[in-house]
Amino acid sequence: MKQWGSLALLLVVLALGACSEEQQNKLSRLGVSWLEGDYRVTYADGAHVKSWEVRDGKVTSEPEKGYYYFWAMQNGEKIYVQTPIGRTYIEEIP
């Protein structure tokens, strides 16, 4: 089974290599839209930096409107967050 995952990853990498940087960015945003897992989402605008952790959830994007949407925990409460795609960084965390 692990062979199929490795093969799929290889095919994705090869396909992305044939795309322009803009196309790769669009594809990566769409990929994050449906993956469930643990993420650190960081919004950075100059000196203003804010981060949230998404645990066992997903980050959805709406590229036409230019935003990411997700639920995060903050001070023990679940909050709904929307951040601009152009100033947001998403990292998968263990």
Protein backbone atom coordinates (compact mmCIF):
# COMPACT_ATOMS: atom_id res chain seq x y z
CA MET A 1 0.00 0.00 0.00
CA LYS A 2 2.85 2.36 0.83
CA GLN A 3 4.14 1.92 -2.74
CA TRP A 4 0.95 3.49 -4.11
CA GLY A 5 1.38 6.53 -1.85
CA SER A 6 4.99 6.96 -2.99
CA LEU A 7 3.99 6.57 -6.62
CA ALA A 8 1.16 9.10 -6.25
CA LEU A 9 3.53 11.59 -4.59
CA LEU A 10 6.06 11.14 -7.39
CA LEU A 11 3.39 11.75 -10.04
CA VAL A 12 2.21 14.91 -8.26
CA VAL A 13 5.79 16.23 -8.02
CA LEU A 14 6.37 15.55 -11.72
CA ALA A 15 3.08 17.20 -12.68
CA LEU A 16 3.85 20.26 -10.57
CA GLY A 17 7.25 20.57 -12.23
CA ALA A 18 5.48 21.12 -15.55
CA CYS A 19 3.29 23.94 -14.13
CA SER A 20 4.14 27.62 -13.83
CA GLU A 21 4.73 29.01 -10.32
CA GLU A 22 1.29 30.66 -10.34
CA GLN A 23 -0.37 27.36 -11.31
CA GLN A 24 1.58 25.56 -8.56
CA ASN A 25 0.39 28.13 -5.99
CA LYS A 26 -3.22 27.68 -7.10
CA LEU A 27 -2.93 23.89 -6.91
CA SER A 28 -1.33 23.99 -3.46
CA ARG A 29 -4.12 26.25 -2.19
CA LEU A 30 -6.73 23.84 -3.52
CA GLY A 31 -4.90 20.89 -1.96
CA VAL A 32 -4.94 22.50 1.48
CA SER A 33 -8.63 23.14 1.10
CA TRP A 34 -9.61 19.54 1.61
CA LEU A 35 -6.84 18.01 3.72
CA GLU A 36 -7.73 17.27 7.31
CA GLY A 37 -4.94 17.34 9.86
CA ASP A 38 -2.96 19.57 12.18
CA TYR A 39 -1.80 22.95 10.90
CA ARG A 40 -0.24 26.20 12.08
CA VAL A 41 -1.77 29.08 10.13
CA THR A 42 0.16 32.34 10.30
CA TYR A 43 -1.02 35.73 9.07
CA ALA A 44 1.85 38.19 8.54
CA ASP A 45 1.49 41.82 7.47
CA GLY A 46 4.66 43.77 8.19
CA ALA A 47 5.28 43.74 11.96
CA HIS A 48 1.81 42.31 12.67
CA VAL A 49 2.04 38.51 12.93
CA LYS A 50 -0.72 36.26 14.31
CA SER A 51 -0.75 32.44 14.43
CA TRP A 52 -3.43 29.85 15.13
CA GLU A 53 -3.32 26.08 15.47
CA VAL A 54 -5.86 23.91 13.69
CA ARG A 55 -5.99 20.47 15.32
CA ASP A 56 -7.71 17.60 13.52
CA GLY A 57 -9.43 20.06 11.21
CA LYS A 58 -9.08 21.56 7.78
CA VAL A 59 -8.22 24.87 6.21
CA THR A 60 -10.52 25.77 3.34
CA SER A 61 -9.80 28.34 0.68
CA GLU A 62 -11.95 30.41 -1.56
CA PRO A 63 -9.43 31.66 -4.15
CA GLU A 64 -12.04 33.75 -5.98
CA LYS A 65 -12.52 35.83 -2.82
CA GLY A 66 -8.88 35.53 -1.73
CA TYR A 67 -9.37 34.03 1.75
CA TYR A 68 -8.61 30.97 3.84
CA TYR A 69 -11.24 29.87 6.37
CA PHE A 70 -10.76 27.58 9.38
CA TRP A 71 -11.78 26.82 12.96
CA ALA A 72 -9.04 27.19 15.61
CA MET A 73 -8.77 26.99 19.38
CA GLN A 74 -7.97 30.23 21.20
CA ASN A 75 -8.07 30.60 24.99
CA GLY A 76 -10.04 27.36 25.27
CA GLU A 77 -12.69 28.47 22.78
CA LYS A 78 -13.25 27.36 19.21
CA ILE A 79 -13.15 30.42 16.95
CA TYR A 80 -13.84 30.90 13.24
CA VAL A 81 -11.00 32.67 11.41
CA GLN A 82 -10.72 34.10 7.92
CA THR A 83 -7.37 35.35 6.60
CA PRO A 84 -6.21 36.73 3.23
CA ILE A 85 -4.48 34.10 1.09
CA GLY A 86 -1.72 36.49 -0.01
CA ARG A 87 -0.48 37.12 3.55
CA THR A 88 -1.09 33.70 5.10
CA TYR A 89 1.30 30.80 5.55
CA ILE A 90 0.18 27.26 6.36
CA GLU A 91 2.46 24.62 7.89
CA GLU A 92 1.59 21.05 8.74
CA ILE A 93 2.55 20.33 12.35
CA PRO A 94 3.08 17.03 14.18
